[in-house]
N, C-alpha and C. Protein backbone atom coordinates (compact mmCIF):
# COMPACT_ATOMS: atom_id res chain seq x y z
N MET A 1 0.93 -1.24 0.07
CA MET A 1 -0.29 -0.22 0.13
C MET A 1 0.83 1.26 0.38
N ARG A 2 2.18 1.20 0.53
CA ARG A 2 2.92 2.16 0.68
C ARG A 2 3.65 2.69 -0.54
N ILE A 3 3.59 1.91 -1.48
CA ILE A 3 4.10 2.55 -3.28
C ILE A 3 2.73 2.78 -3.36
N ALA A 4 1.63 2.52 -3.22
CA ALA A 4 0.51 2.87 -3.98
C ALA A 4 0.21 4.45 -3.52
N VAL A 5 0.57 4.81 -2.20
CA VAL A 5 0.38 5.82 -1.80
C VAL A 5 1.38 7.07 -2.26
N ILE A 6 2.72 6.59 -2.44
CA ILE A 6 3.89 7.21 -3.30
C ILE A 6 3.19 7.72 -4.45
N VAL A 7 3.17 6.41 -5.24
CA VAL A 7 2.61 7.02 -6.95
C VAL A 7 1.43 8.00 -7.13
N ILE A 8 0.53 7.56 -6.09
CA ILE A 8 -0.83 8.28 -6.03
C ILE A 8 -0.55 9.71 -5.59
N SER A 9 0.34 10.15 -4.54
CA SER A 9 0.73 11.44 -4.17
C SER A 9 1.26 12.03 -4.81
N LEU A 10 2.21 11.09 -5.66
CA LEU A 10 3.29 12.23 -6.48
C LEU A 10 2.51 12.43 -7.57
N VAL A 11 1.81 12.07 -8.23
CA VAL A 11 1.00 12.26 -9.64
C VAL A 11 -0.01 13.50 -9.39
N LEU A 12 -0.89 13.23 -8.22
CA LEU A 12 -1.96 14.57 -7.76
C LEU A 12 -1.15 15.56 -7.32
N MET A 13 0.28 15.02 -6.92
CA MET A 13 1.23 16.82 -6.42
C MET A 13 1.51 17.29 -7.63
N VAL A 14 1.68 16.71 -8.54
CA VAL A 14 1.70 17.51 -9.79
C VAL A 14 0.93 18.33 -10.48
N LEU A 15 -0.22 17.32 -10.57
CA LEU A 15 -1.65 18.44 -10.80
C LEU A 15 -1.92 19.31 -10.08
N LEU A 16 -1.70 19.13 -8.97
CA LEU A 16 -2.31 20.19 -7.95
C LEU A 16 -1.14 21.48 -8.02
N PHE A 17 0.07 21.02 -8.26
CA PHE A 17 1.03 22.13 -8.19
C PHE A 17 0.82 22.72 -9.66
N ALA A 18 0.52 22.15 -11.09
CA ALA A 18 -0.09 23.02 -12.12
C ALA A 18 -0.91 23.79 -11.85
N GLN A 19 -2.20 23.20 -11.02
CA GLN A 19 -3.03 24.10 -11.29
C GLN A 19 -2.95 25.18 -10.22
N SER A 20 -2.34 25.09 -9.10
CA SER A 20 -2.23 25.88 -8.42
C SER A 20 -1.17 27.37 -8.86
N CYS A 21 -0.42 26.84 -9.78
CA CYS A 21 0.56 27.96 -10.51
C CYS A 21 -0.48 28.45 -11.30
N THR A 22 -1.45 28.05 -11.91
CA THR A 22 -2.53 28.55 -12.74
C THR A 22 -3.38 29.83 -12.29
N VAL A 23 -3.81 29.17 -11.12
CA VAL A 23 -4.63 30.23 -10.09
C VAL A 23 -3.77 31.42 -9.89
N THR A 24 -2.64 31.05 -9.42
CA THR A 24 -1.76 32.30 -8.84
C THR A 24 -1.40 33.05 -9.92
N ALA A 25 -1.11 32.29 -10.92
CA ALA A 25 -0.79 33.10 -12.33
C ALA A 25 -2.04 34.07 -12.72
N GLY A 26 -3.02 33.44 -12.90
CA GLY A 26 -4.40 33.96 -13.20
C GLY A 26 -4.97 35.06 -12.41
N GLY A 27 -4.66 34.89 -10.99
CA GLY A 27 -4.84 35.93 -10.35
C GLY A 27 -4.12 37.08 -10.49
N SER A 28 -2.87 36.87 -10.56
CA SER A 28 -1.91 38.14 -10.47
C SER A 28 -2.08 38.72 -12.02
N LEU A 29 -2.61 38.02 -13.37
CA LEU A 29 -2.62 39.01 -14.60
C LEU A 29 -4.44 39.63 -14.02
N ALA A 30 -5.28 39.22 -13.42
CA ALA A 30 -6.56 39.89 -13.17
C ALA A 30 -6.52 40.96 -12.01
N GLU A 31 -5.13 40.63 -11.27
CA GLU A 31 -4.91 41.78 -10.43
C GLU A 31 -5.68 41.48 -9.09
N ASP A 32 -6.62 40.18 -8.77
CA ASP A 32 -6.96 39.41 -7.89
C ASP A 32 -6.33 38.98 -6.81
N GLU A 33 -5.86 39.91 -5.67
CA GLU A 33 -4.81 39.13 -4.23
C GLU A 33 -5.47 38.10 -3.98
N SER A 34 -6.79 38.00 -3.87
CA SER A 34 -7.40 36.97 -3.01
C SER A 34 -7.27 35.86 -3.84
N ILE A 35 -7.11 35.54 -4.93
CA ILE A 35 -7.25 34.13 -5.91
C ILE A 35 -5.54 34.01 -6.27
N SER A 36 -4.78 35.08 -6.13
CA SER A 36 -3.35 34.74 -6.05
C SER A 36 -2.58 34.14 -4.68
N SER A 37 -3.22 34.69 -3.59
CA SER A 37 -3.07 33.94 -2.12
C SER A 37 -3.80 32.71 -2.02
N ALA A 38 -4.91 32.01 -2.75
CA ALA A 38 -5.56 30.83 -2.75
C ALA A 38 -4.49 30.09 -3.48
N GLY A 39 -3.69 30.39 -4.59
CA GLY A 39 -3.17 29.87 -5.33
C GLY A 39 -1.84 29.25 -4.49
N ALA A 40 -1.18 29.98 -3.89
CA ALA A 40 -0.27 29.88 -3.10
C ALA A 40 -0.21 29.14 -1.60
N VAL A 41 -1.48 28.90 -1.77
CA VAL A 41 -2.18 28.02 -0.48
C VAL A 41 -1.81 26.77 -1.18
N GLY A 42 -2.71 26.64 -2.63
CA GLY A 42 -2.71 25.30 -3.10
C GLY A 42 -1.11 24.65 -3.37
N LEU A 43 -0.29 25.67 -3.79
CA LEU A 43 1.19 25.22 -3.62
C LEU A 43 1.38 24.61 -2.69
N LEU A 44 1.38 25.30 -1.51
CA LEU A 44 1.62 24.99 -0.03
C LEU A 44 1.07 23.26 0.19
N VAL A 45 -0.07 23.14 0.02
CA VAL A 45 -0.71 21.68 0.02
C VAL A 45 -0.20 20.70 -0.86
N ALA A 46 0.37 20.92 -2.20
CA ALA A 46 1.24 20.43 -3.12
C ALA A 46 2.70 20.08 -2.48
N PHE A 47 2.83 21.09 -1.91
CA PHE A 47 4.14 20.74 -1.07
C PHE A 47 4.49 19.70 -0.15
N LEU A 48 3.04 19.50 0.90
CA LEU A 48 2.61 19.01 1.45
C LEU A 48 2.47 17.11 1.03
N PHE A 49 1.69 17.22 -0.29
CA PHE A 49 1.62 15.98 -0.86
C PHE A 49 3.18 15.44 -1.22
N LEU A 50 3.79 16.34 -1.79
CA LEU A 50 5.35 15.56 -1.92
C LEU A 50 6.11 15.09 -0.90
N LEU A 51 5.82 15.89 0.69
CA LEU A 51 6.65 15.28 1.46
C LEU A 51 5.91 13.94 2.26
N GLY A 52 4.68 14.29 2.10
CA GLY A 52 3.89 12.83 2.42
C GLY A 52 4.08 11.63 1.53
N GLY A 53 4.36 11.74 0.46
CA GLY A 53 4.68 11.01 -0.63
C GLY A 53 5.83 10.45 -0.14
N ALA A 54 6.91 11.20 0.27
CA ALA A 54 8.44 11.13 0.25
C ALA A 54 8.80 10.60 1.69
N PHE A 55 8.00 10.38 2.42
CA PHE A 55 7.99 9.73 3.89
C PHE A 55 7.29 8.36 3.83
N VAL A 56 6.58 8.01 3.14
CA VAL A 56 5.68 7.15 3.65
C VAL A 56 6.49 5.60 3.72
N MET A 57 7.44 5.57 3.02
CA MET A 57 8.34 4.09 3.14
C MET A 57 9.29 4.25 4.39
N GLY A 58 9.64 5.25 4.80
CA GLY A 58 10.49 5.32 5.84
C GLY A 58 9.59 5.62 7.32
N MET A 59 8.96 6.22 7.12
CA MET A 59 8.41 7.07 8.55
C MET A 59 6.52 7.37 8.10
N PRO A 60 5.65 6.13 7.94
CA PRO A 60 4.24 6.31 7.56
C PRO A 60 3.86 6.99 8.33
N ARG A 61 3.91 7.31 9.87
CA ARG A 61 2.98 7.84 10.52
C ARG A 61 3.03 9.43 10.20
N LEU A 62 4.52 9.90 10.04
CA LEU A 62 4.75 11.17 9.78
C LEU A 62 4.12 11.79 8.28
N SER A 63 4.28 10.83 7.38
CA SER A 63 3.29 11.04 5.96
C SER A 63 2.00 10.83 6.07
N ALA A 64 1.45 10.31 7.45
CA ALA A 64 0.14 10.50 7.54
C ALA A 64 -0.30 11.74 8.00
N ALA A 65 0.88 12.10 8.93
CA ALA A 65 0.24 13.80 9.32
C ALA A 65 0.74 14.89 8.34
N MET A 66 1.75 14.31 7.54
CA MET A 66 1.75 15.36 6.60
C MET A 66 0.49 15.51 5.81
N PHE A 67 -0.47 14.28 5.45
CA PHE A 67 -1.41 14.28 4.32
C PHE A 67 -2.49 15.31 5.18
N TRP A 68 -2.70 14.78 6.45
CA TRP A 68 -3.59 15.26 7.04
C TRP A 68 -3.61 16.83 7.51
N ILE A 69 -2.41 17.42 7.75
CA ILE A 69 -2.25 18.88 7.82
C ILE A 69 -2.43 19.52 6.39
N ALA A 70 -2.25 18.50 5.11
CA ALA A 70 -2.42 19.39 3.74
C ALA A 70 -4.32 18.86 3.78
N ALA A 71 -4.84 17.91 4.72
CA ALA A 71 -6.27 18.13 4.32
C ALA A 71 -6.77 19.57 4.59
N PHE A 72 -6.07 19.72 6.20
CA PHE A 72 -6.83 20.86 7.06
C PHE A 72 -6.71 21.99 6.11
N ILE A 73 -5.65 22.15 5.66
CA ILE A 73 -5.24 23.68 5.26
C ILE A 73 -6.21 23.45 3.62
N GLY A 74 -5.92 22.54 3.06
CA GLY A 74 -7.15 22.60 1.80
C GLY A 74 -8.49 22.78 2.03
N ILE A 75 -9.02 21.98 2.70
CA ILE A 75 -10.39 21.99 3.39
C ILE A 75 -10.72 23.23 4.04
N LEU A 76 -10.36 24.01 4.59
CA LEU A 76 -10.32 25.39 5.13
C LEU A 76 -9.91 26.48 3.91
N ALA A 77 -8.95 26.18 3.26
CA ALA A 77 -9.04 26.98 2.29
C ALA A 77 -9.68 27.04 1.17
N GLY A 78 -10.34 25.76 1.12
CA GLY A 78 -11.51 25.53 0.01
C GLY A 78 -12.94 26.09 0.50
N LEU A 79 -13.28 26.14 1.81
CA LEU A 79 -14.42 26.64 2.16
C LEU A 79 -14.32 28.29 2.30
N THR A 80 -13.18 28.85 2.46
CA THR A 80 -12.99 30.39 2.57
C THR A 80 -12.39 31.11 1.39
N THR A 81 -11.74 30.30 0.58
CA THR A 81 -11.75 31.47 -0.66
C THR A 81 -12.16 30.95 -2.07
N GLU A 82 -12.02 31.55 -2.84
CA GLU A 82 -12.32 31.50 -4.41
C GLU A 82 -12.14 30.35 -4.97
N PHE A 83 -10.53 29.76 -4.48
CA PHE A 83 -10.21 28.30 -5.03
C PHE A 83 -10.96 27.31 -4.52
N ALA A 84 -11.85 26.76 -4.76
CA ALA A 84 -12.78 26.00 -4.11
C ALA A 84 -12.35 24.49 -4.41
N ASP A 85 -11.29 24.67 -5.47
CA ASP A 85 -10.96 23.08 -5.85
C ASP A 85 -10.29 22.67 -4.60
N LEU A 86 -9.64 23.78 -3.75
CA LEU A 86 -9.05 23.04 -2.81
C LEU A 86 -9.76 22.20 -1.66
N LEU A 87 -10.92 22.26 -1.77
CA LEU A 87 -11.53 21.55 -0.70
C LEU A 87 -11.68 20.12 -1.29
N ILE A 88 -12.16 19.77 -2.63
CA ILE A 88 -11.83 18.39 -3.10
C ILE A 88 -9.99 17.64 -2.98
N TRP A 89 -9.01 18.87 -3.05
CA TRP A 89 -7.94 18.53 -2.91
C TRP A 89 -7.28 18.02 -1.34
N GLY A 90 -8.50 18.58 -0.38
CA GLY A 90 -8.55 18.18 1.04
C GLY A 90 -8.77 16.70 1.48
N VAL A 91 -9.77 16.58 0.48
CA VAL A 91 -10.61 15.48 0.99
C VAL A 91 -9.48 14.13 0.45
N VAL A 92 -8.97 14.42 -0.70
CA VAL A 92 -8.25 13.46 -1.24
C VAL A 92 -6.93 13.38 -0.07
N ALA A 93 -6.39 14.41 0.64
CA ALA A 93 -5.39 14.44 1.29
C ALA A 93 -5.40 13.61 2.84
N VAL A 94 -7.18 13.37 2.87
CA VAL A 94 -7.49 12.68 4.08
C VAL A 94 -7.31 11.24 3.87
N VAL A 95 -7.90 11.07 2.39
CA VAL A 95 -8.03 9.52 2.20
C VAL A 95 -6.60 9.28 2.25
N LEU A 96 -5.57 10.19 1.46
CA LEU A 96 -3.79 9.39 1.49
C LEU A 96 -3.28 9.16 2.98
N GLY A 97 -4.12 10.15 3.86
CA GLY A 97 -3.42 10.15 4.97
C GLY A 97 -3.97 9.00 5.44
N ILE A 98 -5.23 8.60 5.37
CA ILE A 98 -5.86 7.12 6.09
C ILE A 98 -4.90 6.03 5.42
N MET A 99 -4.86 6.02 3.75
CA MET A 99 -4.01 5.23 3.44
C MET A 99 -2.70 5.05 4.04
N ALA A 100 -2.04 6.26 4.28
CA ALA A 100 -0.44 5.90 5.03
C ALA A 100 -0.55 5.75 6.27
N ARG A 101 -1.50 5.79 7.03
CA ARG A 101 -1.68 5.22 8.55
C ARG A 101 -1.78 3.81 8.32
N LEU A 102 -2.47 3.25 7.54
CA LEU A 102 -2.70 1.83 7.23
C LEU A 102 -1.66 1.26 7.11
N SER A 103 -0.88 1.74 6.43
CA SER A 103 0.33 0.85 5.92
C SER A 103 1.14 0.97 7.18
N VAL A 104 1.17 1.28 8.23
CA VAL A 104 1.91 0.84 9.55
C VAL A 104 1.51 -0.40 9.97
N ARG A 105 3.08 -1.24 9.60
CA ARG A 105 2.72 -2.65 10.59
C ARG A 105 3.57 -2.78 11.60
N ALA A 106 3.13 -3.65 12.24
CA ALA A 106 3.76 -4.01 13.51
C ALA A 106 4.78 -5.05 13.03
N PRO A 107 5.73 -4.92 13.67
CA PRO A 107 6.88 -5.71 13.35
C PRO A 107 6.55 -7.46 13.91
N ALA A 108 6.90 -8.04 12.58
CA ALA A 108 6.97 -9.47 13.20
C ALA A 108 7.64 -10.32 13.85
N THR A 109 7.03 -10.86 15.00
CA THR A 109 8.55 -11.63 15.92
C THR A 109 8.27 -13.08 15.94
N ASP A 110 9.67 -13.82 16.10
CA ASP A 110 9.48 -15.31 16.03
C ASP A 110 8.67 -15.77 16.74
N ALA A 111 8.66 -14.93 18.15
CA ALA A 111 7.49 -15.53 19.51
C ALA A 111 6.17 -15.67 18.71
N VAL A 112 5.36 -14.52 17.98
CA VAL A 112 4.20 -14.50 17.38
C VAL A 112 4.30 -15.56 16.12
N ALA A 113 4.92 -15.63 15.37
CA ALA A 113 5.35 -16.52 14.53
C ALA A 113 5.34 -18.10 15.03
N ALA A 114 6.07 -18.23 16.09
CA ALA A 114 6.02 -19.59 16.63
C ALA A 114 4.80 -19.86 17.15
N ASP A 115 3.88 -19.16 17.83
CA ASP A 115 2.50 -19.25 18.43
C ASP A 115 1.40 -19.73 17.59
N GLU A 116 1.32 -18.70 16.23
CA GLU A 116 0.64 -19.49 15.18
C GLU A 116 0.88 -20.76 14.32
N ALA A 117 2.32 -20.91 14.40
CA ALA A 117 2.48 -22.30 13.55
C ALA A 117 1.84 -23.52 14.03
N PRO A 118 1.85 -24.69 13.33
CA PRO A 118 1.41 -25.66 13.99
C PRO A 118 2.46 -26.37 14.71
N ALA A 119 2.11 -27.39 15.38
CA ALA A 119 3.08 -28.18 16.52
C ALA A 119 4.35 -28.24 15.79
N GLU A 120 4.49 -29.08 14.60
CA GLU A 120 5.28 -29.62 14.15
C GLU A 120 6.48 -28.54 13.60
N GLN A 121 5.96 -27.21 13.09
CA GLN A 121 6.69 -26.25 12.99
C GLN A 121 7.01 -25.30 14.03
N ARG A 122 6.48 -25.12 15.04
CA ARG A 122 6.85 -24.85 16.52
C ARG A 122 8.08 -25.73 16.75
N ALA A 123 8.14 -26.78 17.03
CA ALA A 123 9.22 -27.74 17.13
C ALA A 123 10.55 -27.49 16.11
N GLU A 124 10.57 -27.48 15.32
CA GLU A 124 11.49 -26.88 13.89
C GLU A 124 11.91 -25.66 14.26
N LEU A 125 10.69 -24.71 14.83
CA LEU A 125 11.56 -23.18 15.09
C LEU A 125 12.33 -23.23 16.27
N THR A 126 11.95 -24.37 17.57
CA THR A 126 12.60 -24.23 18.51
C THR A 126 14.34 -25.19 18.14
N ARG A 127 14.43 -25.91 17.31
CA ARG A 127 15.61 -26.53 17.27
C ARG A 127 16.51 -25.61 16.43
N MET A 128 15.87 -24.66 15.52
CA MET A 128 17.01 -23.77 14.92
C MET A 128 17.77 -23.52 15.84
N LYS A 129 19.18 -23.07 15.20
CA LYS A 129 20.07 -22.14 15.72
C LYS A 129 20.07 -20.82 15.14
N VAL A 130 20.48 -20.03 16.14
CA VAL A 130 20.53 -18.28 15.59
C VAL A 130 21.91 -17.47 15.22
N CYS A 131 21.91 -17.32 14.21
CA CYS A 131 23.37 -16.89 13.71
C CYS A 131 23.71 -15.74 14.72
N PRO A 132 25.10 -15.59 15.09
CA PRO A 132 25.19 -14.60 15.93
C PRO A 132 25.86 -13.25 15.18
N GLU A 133 25.64 -13.14 13.84
CA GLU A 133 25.76 -12.11 12.88
C GLU A 133 24.70 -11.36 12.96
N CYS A 134 23.75 -12.12 11.89
CA CYS A 134 22.56 -11.69 11.68
C CYS A 134 21.05 -11.76 12.47
N ALA A 135 21.19 -12.64 13.36
CA ALA A 135 20.12 -13.08 14.42
C ALA A 135 18.97 -13.50 13.35
N GLU A 136 19.26 -14.15 12.19
CA GLU A 136 18.55 -15.09 11.48
C GLU A 136 18.46 -16.69 11.98
N ARG A 137 17.21 -17.45 11.88
CA ARG A 137 17.55 -18.83 12.34
C ARG A 137 17.66 -19.69 11.21
N VAL A 138 18.85 -20.39 11.44
CA VAL A 138 19.15 -21.70 10.22
C VAL A 138 18.91 -23.30 11.22
N GLN A 139 19.50 -23.91 9.75
CA GLN A 139 19.19 -25.24 10.43
C GLN A 139 20.36 -25.63 11.56
N PRO A 140 19.90 -26.45 12.64
CA PRO A 140 21.30 -27.21 13.29
C PRO A 140 22.45 -27.25 12.73
N ALA A 141 22.25 -27.91 11.63
CA ALA A 141 23.72 -28.66 10.96
C ALA A 141 24.55 -27.53 9.61
N ALA A 142 23.56 -26.53 10.28
CA ALA A 142 24.32 -25.65 9.29
C ALA A 142 26.03 -24.98 9.53
N LYS A 143 26.89 -25.02 8.16
CA LYS A 143 28.19 -24.77 8.88
C LYS A 143 28.18 -23.35 8.48
N VAL A 144 27.19 -22.84 7.40
CA VAL A 144 27.69 -21.29 6.94
C VAL A 144 26.02 -20.80 7.35
N CYS A 145 26.14 -19.57 7.27
CA CYS A 145 24.69 -18.98 7.04
C CYS A 145 24.46 -18.69 6.17
N ARG A 146 23.15 -18.86 6.05
CA ARG A 146 22.63 -18.35 4.16
C ARG A 146 22.49 -17.35 4.08
N PHE A 147 22.15 -16.49 5.15
CA PHE A 147 21.55 -15.02 4.84
C PHE A 147 22.76 -13.95 5.00
N CYS A 148 24.04 -14.13 5.85
CA CYS A 148 24.97 -13.26 5.86
C CYS A 148 26.14 -14.22 5.61
N GLY A 149 26.16 -15.25 5.42
CA GLY A 149 27.60 -15.91 5.07
C GLY A 149 28.40 -15.95 6.62
N PHE A 150 27.86 -15.96 7.45
CA PHE A 150 28.91 -16.23 8.78
C PHE A 150 29.47 -17.96 8.85
N ARG A 151 30.51 -17.99 9.26
CA ARG A 151 31.05 -19.72 9.23
C ARG A 151 30.61 -19.87 10.54
N PHE A 152 29.91 -21.07 11.11
CA PHE A 152 29.94 -21.24 12.71
C PHE A 152 31.10 -22.14 12.82
N VAL A 153 31.74 -22.44 13.91
CA VAL A 153 32.83 -22.87 14.16
C VAL A 153 32.42 -24.31 15.09
N ASP A 154 32.60 -25.64 14.89
CA ASP A 154 32.15 -26.51 15.48
C ASP A 154 32.99 -26.70 16.44
N PRO A 155 31.82 -27.38 17.47
CA PRO A 155 32.69 -27.61 18.84
C PRO A 155 33.60 -28.78 18.86
N GLU A 156 34.84 -28.50 19.45
CA GLU A 156 35.89 -29.29 19.39
C GLU A 156 35.46 -30.80 20.24
N PRO A 157 35.80 -31.77 19.70
CA PRO A 157 35.16 -33.35 20.19
C PRO A 157 35.90 -33.26 21.58
N ALA A 158 35.48 -34.12 22.61
CA ALA A 158 36.05 -34.24 24.08
C ALA A 158 37.15 -35.43 23.70
N ALA A 159 38.19 -34.98 24.66
CA ALA A 159 39.20 -36.22 24.40
C ALA A 159 39.22 -37.06 25.50
């Protein structure tokens, strides 16, 4: 879902940026200060779309916050200025914020996986040894970790 949020937010950011630039330029040509300032607010919302899309992979909660700030600004500006399309962009930002927030996953642990596994798989998980380099589980007879290449030292036989 995170990749979908990135793609959607970046495409919509380009559209919103182009629309806001057009509104700002049109307001300047018509010498209408309120329309020009509404276009500037649209540019701010487009920038927040960019930030929300940029942070969704690494920090999805921050990304959701960016989208919700964009939504608040967009909806407020859409209701109070002549650039009413910002209301629609604000609603889109709410949806993107929800999508970004839903993409937050709890880290899976071996304990959870072991609890949900069938009995024979649980026994297999408990017999596995853990690599001291990468902390991945490997077969008990493994000489080399298949994940990081760590070489296990065989214990010396007792004399």
